[in-house]
PDB file of N, CA and C in Angstrom:
ATOM      1  N   MET A   1     -15.201 -34.711 -20.270  1.00  0.00           N
ATOM      2  CA  MET A   1     -14.311 -34.095 -21.223  1.00  0.00           C
ATOM      3  C   MET A   1     -13.156 -35.040 -21.528  1.00  0.00           C
ATOM      4  N   LYS A   2     -12.700 -34.979 -22.743  1.00  0.00           N
ATOM      5  CA  LYS A   2     -11.541 -35.769 -23.147  1.00  0.00           C
ATOM      6  C   LYS A   2     -10.283 -34.910 -22.997  1.00  0.00           C
ATOM      7  N   SER A   3      -9.131 -35.578 -23.047  1.00  0.00           N
ATOM      8  CA  SER A   3      -7.871 -34.880 -22.778  1.00  0.00           C
ATOM      9  C   SER A   3      -7.617 -33.730 -23.751  1.00  0.00           C
ATOM     10  N   TRP A   4      -7.929 -33.902 -25.028  1.00  0.00           N
ATOM     11  CA  TRP A   4      -7.666 -32.831 -25.995  1.00  0.00           C
ATOM     12  C   TRP A   4      -8.536 -31.612 -25.708  1.00  0.00           C
ATOM     13  N   GLN A   5      -9.732 -31.831 -25.184  1.00  0.00           N
ATOM     14  CA  GLN A   5     -10.601 -30.704 -24.846  1.00  0.00           C
ATOM     15  C   GLN A   5     -10.049 -29.932 -23.653  1.00  0.00           C
ATOM     16  N   ILE A   6      -9.531 -30.645 -22.681  1.00  0.00           N
ATOM     17  CA  ILE A   6      -8.959 -29.998 -21.498  1.00  0.00           C
ATOM     18  C   ILE A   6      -7.708 -29.212 -21.878  1.00  0.00           C
ATOM     19  N   VAL A   7      -6.876 -29.774 -22.761  1.00  0.00           N
ATOM     20  CA  VAL A   7      -5.675 -29.076 -23.212  1.00  0.00           C
ATOM     21  C   VAL A   7      -6.049 -27.757 -23.881  1.00  0.00           C
ATOM     22  N   ARG A   8      -7.034 -27.784 -24.744  1.00  0.00           N
ATOM     23  CA  ARG A   8      -7.466 -26.558 -25.428  1.00  0.00           C
ATOM     24  C   ARG A   8      -8.087 -25.563 -24.447  1.00  0.00           C
ATOM     25  N   LEU A   9      -8.836 -26.077 -23.479  1.00  0.00           N
ATOM     26  CA  LEU A   9      -9.435 -25.212 -22.458  1.00  0.00           C
ATOM     27  C   LEU A   9      -8.351 -24.505 -21.646  1.00  0.00           C
ATOM     28  N   VAL A  10      -7.352 -25.255 -21.212  1.00  0.00           N
ATOM     29  CA  VAL A  10      -6.264 -24.683 -20.415  1.00  0.00           C
ATOM     30  C   VAL A  10      -5.452 -23.685 -21.241  1.00  0.00           C
ATOM     31  N   ALA A  11      -5.125 -24.057 -22.477  1.00  0.00           N
ATOM     32  CA  ALA A  11      -4.339 -23.159 -23.339  1.00  0.00           C
ATOM     33  C   ALA A  11      -5.095 -21.858 -23.594  1.00  0.00           C
ATOM     34  N   GLY A  12      -6.373 -21.949 -23.911  1.00  0.00           N
ATOM     35  CA  GLY A  12      -7.172 -20.747 -24.147  1.00  0.00           C
ATOM     36  C   GLY A  12      -7.279 -19.870 -22.913  1.00  0.00           C
ATOM     37  N   THR A  13      -7.453 -20.501 -21.759  1.00  0.00           N
ATOM     38  CA  THR A  13      -7.532 -19.753 -20.504  1.00  0.00           C
ATOM     39  C   THR A  13      -6.211 -19.042 -20.215  1.00  0.00           C
ATOM     40  N   PHE A  14      -5.088 -19.754 -20.407  1.00  0.00           N
ATOM     41  CA  PHE A  14      -3.782 -19.151 -20.179  1.00  0.00           C
ATOM     42  C   PHE A  14      -3.535 -17.970 -21.114  1.00  0.00           C
ATOM     43  N   VAL A  15      -3.910 -18.111 -22.376  1.00  0.00           N
ATOM     44  CA  VAL A  15      -3.706 -17.017 -23.331  1.00  0.00           C
ATOM     45  C   VAL A  15      -4.527 -15.803 -22.929  1.00  0.00           C
ATOM     46  N   LEU A  16      -5.800 -16.003 -22.640  1.00  0.00           N
ATOM     47  CA  LEU A  16      -6.653 -14.866 -22.274  1.00  0.00           C
ATOM     48  C   LEU A  16      -6.205 -14.214 -20.972  1.00  0.00           C
ATOM     49  N   LEU A  17      -5.818 -15.024 -19.991  1.00  0.00           N
ATOM     50  CA  LEU A  17      -5.363 -14.478 -18.714  1.00  0.00           C
ATOM     51  C   LEU A  17      -4.060 -13.693 -18.882  1.00  0.00           C
ATOM     52  N   SER A  18      -3.115 -14.253 -19.644  1.00  0.00           N
ATOM     53  CA  SER A  18      -1.847 -13.547 -19.821  1.00  0.00           C
ATOM     54  C   SER A  18      -2.020 -12.269 -20.639  1.00  0.00           C
ATOM     55  N   LEU A  19      -2.957 -12.262 -21.582  1.00  0.00           N
ATOM     56  CA  LEU A  19      -3.249 -11.021 -22.304  1.00  0.00           C
ATOM     57  C   LEU A  19      -3.874  -9.984 -21.375  1.00  0.00           C
ATOM     58  N   ALA A  20      -4.777 -10.426 -20.518  1.00  0.00           N
ATOM     59  CA  ALA A  20      -5.404  -9.497 -19.571  1.00  0.00           C
ATOM     60  C   ALA A  20      -4.373  -8.891 -18.626  1.00  0.00           C
ATOM     61  N   LEU A  21      -3.364  -9.674 -18.258  1.00  0.00           N
ATOM     62  CA  LEU A  21      -2.332  -9.185 -17.346  1.00  0.00           C
ATOM     63  C   LEU A  21      -1.212  -8.428 -18.050  1.00  0.00           C
ATOM     64  N   GLY A  22      -1.092  -8.578 -19.391  1.00  0.00           N
ATOM     65  CA  GLY A  22       0.041  -8.000 -20.090  1.00  0.00           C
ATOM     66  C   GLY A  22      -0.249  -6.834 -21.015  1.00  0.00           C
ATOM     67  N   VAL A  23      -1.518  -6.582 -21.324  1.00  0.00           N
ATOM     68  CA  VAL A  23      -1.872  -5.484 -22.229  1.00  0.00           C
ATOM     69  C   VAL A  23      -2.181  -4.246 -21.390  1.00  0.00           C
ATOM     70  N   GLN A  24      -1.537  -3.144 -21.718  1.00  0.00           N
ATOM     71  CA  GLN A  24      -1.654  -1.940 -20.888  1.00  0.00           C
ATOM     72  C   GLN A  24      -3.073  -1.406 -20.763  1.00  0.00           C
ATOM     73  N   GLY A  25      -3.905  -1.590 -21.755  1.00  0.00           N
ATOM     74  CA  GLY A  25      -5.265  -1.080 -21.691  1.00  0.00           C
ATOM     75  C   GLY A  25      -6.189  -1.895 -20.803  1.00  0.00           C
ATOM     76  N   SER A  26      -5.725  -3.034 -20.336  1.00  0.00           N
ATOM     77  CA  SER A  26      -6.552  -3.921 -19.525  1.00  0.00           C
ATOM     78  C   SER A  26      -6.663  -3.408 -18.086  1.00  0.00           C
ATOM     79  N   PRO A  27      -7.841  -3.555 -17.469  1.00  0.00           N
ATOM     80  CA  PRO A  27      -7.969  -3.165 -16.058  1.00  0.00           C
ATOM     81  C   PRO A  27      -7.188  -4.096 -15.120  1.00  0.00           C
ATOM     82  N   LEU A  28      -6.743  -5.246 -15.617  1.00  0.00           N
ATOM     83  CA  LEU A  28      -5.980  -6.191 -14.808  1.00  0.00           C
ATOM     84  C   LEU A  28      -4.482  -6.118 -15.074  1.00  0.00           C
ATOM     85  N   PHE A  29      -4.055  -5.091 -15.815  1.00  0.00           N
ATOM     86  CA  PHE A  29      -2.649  -4.977 -16.236  1.00  0.00           C
ATOM     87  C   PHE A  29      -1.707  -5.050 -15.040  1.00  0.00           C
ATOM     88  N   VAL A  30      -0.655  -5.872 -15.198  1.00  0.00           N
ATOM     89  CA  VAL A  30       0.396  -5.988 -14.196  1.00  0.00           C
ATOM     90  C   VAL A  30       1.742  -5.605 -14.808  1.00  0.00           C
ATOM     91  N   SER A  31       2.103  -6.288 -15.896  1.00  0.00           N
ATOM     92  CA  SER A  31       3.382  -6.060 -16.544  1.00  0.00           C
ATOM     93  C   SER A  31       3.313  -6.572 -17.981  1.00  0.00           C
ATOM     94  N   GLU A  32       4.053  -5.921 -18.867  1.00  0.00           N
ATOM     95  CA  GLU A  32       4.101  -6.379 -20.255  1.00  0.00           C
ATOM     96  C   GLU A  32       4.796  -7.733 -20.382  1.00  0.00           C
ATOM     97  N   TRP A  33       5.537  -8.138 -19.364  1.00  0.00           N
ATOM     98  CA  TRP A  33       6.219  -9.429 -19.387  1.00  0.00           C
ATOM     99  C   TRP A  33       5.250 -10.603 -19.421  1.00  0.00           C
ATOM    100  N   TRP A  34       4.000 -10.376 -19.062  1.00  0.00           N
ATOM    101  CA  TRP A  34       3.006 -11.446 -19.156  1.00  0.00           C
ATOM    102  C   TRP A  34       2.783 -11.872 -20.599  1.00  0.00           C
ATOM    103  N   LEU A  35       3.101 -10.993 -21.554  1.00  0.00           N
ATOM    104  CA  LEU A  35       2.955 -11.352 -22.959  1.00  0.00           C
ATOM    105  C   LEU A  35       3.948 -12.452 -23.353  1.00  0.00           C
ATOM    106  N   ALA A  36       5.040 -12.578 -22.634  1.00  0.00           N
ATOM    107  CA  ALA A  36       5.982 -13.669 -22.880  1.00  0.00           C
ATOM    108  C   ALA A  36       5.313 -15.016 -22.584  1.00  0.00           C
ATOM    109  N   PHE A  37       4.438 -15.047 -21.616  1.00  0.00           N
ATOM    110  CA  PHE A  37       3.705 -16.278 -21.302  1.00  0.00           C
ATOM    111  C   PHE A  37       2.765 -16.644 -22.449  1.00  0.00           C
ATOM    112  N   THR A  38       2.153 -15.634 -23.078  1.00  0.00           N
ATOM    113  CA  THR A  38       1.317 -15.872 -24.253  1.00  0.00           C
ATOM    114  C   THR A  38       2.153 -16.506 -25.356  1.00  0.00           C
ATOM    115  N   ALA A  39       3.357 -15.996 -25.578  1.00  0.00           N
ATOM    116  CA  ALA A  39       4.258 -16.556 -26.587  1.00  0.00           C
ATOM    117  C   ALA A  39       4.663 -17.985 -26.226  1.00  0.00           C
ATOM    118  N   PHE A  40       4.876 -18.259 -24.960  1.00  0.00           N
ATOM    119  CA  PHE A  40       5.238 -19.601 -24.505  1.00  0.00           C
ATOM    120  C   PHE A  40       4.122 -20.596 -24.810  1.00  0.00           C
ATOM    121  N   VAL A  41       2.886 -20.219 -24.530  1.00  0.00           N
ATOM    122  CA  VAL A  41       1.749 -21.098 -24.819  1.00  0.00           C
ATOM    123  C   VAL A  41       1.649 -21.339 -26.324  1.00  0.00           C
ATOM    124  N   GLY A  42       1.797 -20.290 -27.110  1.00  0.00           N
ATOM    125  CA  GLY A  42       1.754 -20.437 -28.561  1.00  0.00           C
ATOM    126  C   GLY A  42       2.861 -21.339 -29.083  1.00  0.00           C
ATOM    127  N   ALA A  43       4.056 -21.204 -28.538  1.00  0.00           N
ATOM    128  CA  ALA A  43       5.175 -22.052 -28.951  1.00  0.00           C
ATOM    129  C   ALA A  43       4.916 -23.512 -28.603  1.00  0.00           C
ATOM    130  N   ASN A  44       4.312 -23.758 -27.459  1.00  0.00           N
ATOM    131  CA  ASN A  44       3.982 -25.128 -27.071  1.00  0.00           C
ATOM    132  C   ASN A  44       2.896 -25.714 -27.970  1.00  0.00           C
ATOM    133  N   LEU A  45       1.934 -24.907 -28.366  1.00  0.00           N
ATOM    134  CA  LEU A  45       0.907 -25.388 -29.290  1.00  0.00           C
ATOM    135  C   LEU A  45       1.521 -25.730 -30.642  1.00  0.00           C
ATOM    136  N   LEU A  46       2.432 -24.897 -31.107  1.00  0.00           N
ATOM    137  CA  LEU A  46       3.120 -25.151 -32.368  1.00  0.00           C
ATOM    138  C   LEU A  46       3.956 -26.427 -32.273  1.00  0.00           C
ATOM    139  N   GLN A  47       4.702 -26.575 -31.209  1.00  0.00           N
ATOM    140  CA  GLN A  47       5.526 -27.769 -31.006  1.00  0.00           C
ATOM    141  C   GLN A  47       4.670 -29.021 -30.974  1.00  0.00           C
ATOM    142  N   SER A  48       3.552 -28.987 -30.276  1.00  0.00           N
ATOM    143  CA  SER A  48       2.704 -30.187 -30.187  1.00  0.00           C
ATOM    144  C   SER A  48       2.078 -30.539 -31.531  1.00  0.00           C
ATOM    145  N   ALA A  49       1.803 -29.550 -32.348  1.00  0.00           N
ATOM    146  CA  ALA A  49       1.254 -29.824 -33.676  1.00  0.00           C
ATOM    147  C   ALA A  49       2.296 -30.480 -34.575  1.00  0.00           C
ATOM    148  N   LEU A  50       3.549 -30.081 -34.439  1.00  0.00           N
ATOM    149  CA  LEU A  50       4.604 -30.621 -35.298  1.00  0.00           C
ATOM    150  C   LEU A  50       5.114 -31.980 -34.840  1.00  0.00           C
ATOM    151  N   THR A  51       5.142 -32.211 -33.529  1.00  0.00           N
ATOM    152  CA  THR A  51       5.701 -33.455 -33.002  1.00  0.00           C
ATOM    153  C   THR A  51       4.633 -34.471 -32.611  1.00  0.00           C
ATOM    154  N   LYS A  52       3.380 -34.051 -32.570  1.00  0.00           N
ATOM    155  CA  LYS A  52       2.258 -34.901 -32.148  1.00  0.00           C
ATOM    156  C   LYS A  52       2.427 -35.389 -30.709  1.00  0.00           C
ATOM    157  N   TRP A  53       3.101 -34.589 -29.877  1.00  0.00           N
ATOM    158  CA  TRP A  53       3.256 -34.883 -28.465  1.00  0.00           C
ATOM    159  C   TRP A  53       3.028 -33.603 -27.674  1.00  0.00           C
ATOM    160  N   CYS A  54       2.249 -33.710 -26.613  1.00  0.00           N
ATOM    161  CA  CYS A  54       1.925 -32.550 -25.785  1.00  0.00           C
ATOM    162  C   CYS A  54       2.103 -32.915 -24.321  1.00  0.00           C
ATOM    163  N   LEU A  55       2.945 -32.182 -23.624  1.00  0.00           N
ATOM    164  CA  LEU A  55       3.189 -32.446 -22.205  1.00  0.00           C
ATOM    165  C   LEU A  55       1.905 -32.330 -21.399  1.00  0.00           C
ATOM    166  N   MET A  56       1.113 -31.304 -21.668  1.00  0.00           N
ATOM    167  CA  MET A  56      -0.126 -31.114 -20.911  1.00  0.00           C
ATOM    168  C   MET A  56      -1.072 -32.302 -21.102  1.00  0.00           C
ATOM    169  N   GLU A  57      -1.148 -32.827 -22.315  1.00  0.00           N
ATOM    170  CA  GLU A  57      -2.018 -33.977 -22.557  1.00  0.00           C
ATOM    171  C   GLU A  57      -1.494 -35.218 -21.830  1.00  0.00           C
ATOM    172  N   SER A  58      -0.184 -35.365 -21.745  1.00  0.00           N
ATOM    173  CA  SER A  58       0.397 -36.475 -20.985  1.00  0.00           C
ATOM    174  C   SER A  58       0.061 -36.354 -19.503  1.00  0.00           C
ATOM    175  N   ILE A  59       0.157 -35.146 -18.978  1.00  0.00           N
ATOM    176  CA  ILE A  59      -0.161 -34.919 -17.559  1.00  0.00           C
ATOM    177  C   ILE A  59      -1.634 -35.195 -17.298  1.00  0.00           C
ATOM    178  N   VAL A  60      -2.501 -34.691 -18.143  1.00  0.00           N
ATOM    179  CA  VAL A  60      -3.944 -34.888 -17.973  1.00  0.00           C
ATOM    180  C   VAL A  60      -4.277 -36.385 -18.087  1.00  0.00           C
ATOM    181  N   GLY A  61      -3.612 -37.079 -19.001  1.00  0.00           N
ATOM    182  CA  GLY A  61      -3.835 -38.513 -19.149  1.00  0.00           C
ATOM    183  C   GLY A  61      -3.445 -39.287 -17.910  1.00  0.00           C
ATOM    184  N   LYS A  62      -2.327 -38.887 -17.266  1.00  0.00           N
ATOM    185  CA  LYS A  62      -1.892 -39.562 -16.047  1.00  0.00           C
ATOM    186  C   LYS A  62      -2.820 -39.279 -14.873  1.00  0.00           C
ATOM    187  N   LEU A  63      -3.597 -38.206 -14.976  1.00  0.00           N
ATOM    188  CA  LEU A  63      -4.589 -37.905 -13.936  1.00  0.00           C
ATOM    189  C   LEU A  63      -5.868 -38.710 -14.124  1.00  0.00           C
ATOM    190  N   GLY A  64      -5.904 -39.522 -15.186  1.00  0.00           N
ATOM    191  CA  GLY A  64      -7.040 -40.406 -15.377  1.00  0.00           C
ATOM    192  C   GLY A  64      -8.085 -39.934 -16.361  1.00  0.00           C
ATOM    193  N   VAL A  65      -7.820 -38.845 -17.038  1.00  0.00           N
ATOM    194  CA  VAL A  65      -8.788 -38.329 -18.012  1.00  0.00           C
ATOM    195  C   VAL A  65      -8.694 -39.175 -19.281  1.00  0.00           C
ATOM    196  N   GLU A  66      -9.834 -39.468 -19.873  1.00  0.00           N
ATOM    197  CA  GLU A  66      -9.874 -40.267 -21.096  1.00  0.00           C
ATOM    198  C   GLU A  66      -9.174 -39.546 -22.236  1.00  0.00           C
ATOM    199  N   ARG A  67      -8.292 -40.277 -22.901  1.00  0.00           N
ATOM    200  CA  ARG A  67      -7.596 -39.703 -24.046  1.00  0.00           C
ATOM    201  C   ARG A  67      -8.553 -39.653 -25.229  1.00  0.00           C
ATOM    202  N   GLY A  68      -8.375 -38.639 -26.042  1.00  0.00           N
ATOM    203  CA  GLY A  68      -9.281 -38.520 -27.187  1.00  0.00           C
ATOM    204  C   GLY A  68      -8.587 -38.081 -28.424  1.00  0.00           C
TER     205      GLY A  68
END
């Protein structure tokens, strides 16, 4: 996998997990505050699209994953 694929995988996983923990109808519901984490991930995706820089991609790159 290339770094951009891992970033999207992690972001998608975080969004789905935080929705599962933050939506009251979910069997995994913990608190509605988990929806703030969903907003945080979305804000980071928006920021990376506008600035062309992503912290997660930098971290993954330093771990030796091929940049793509």
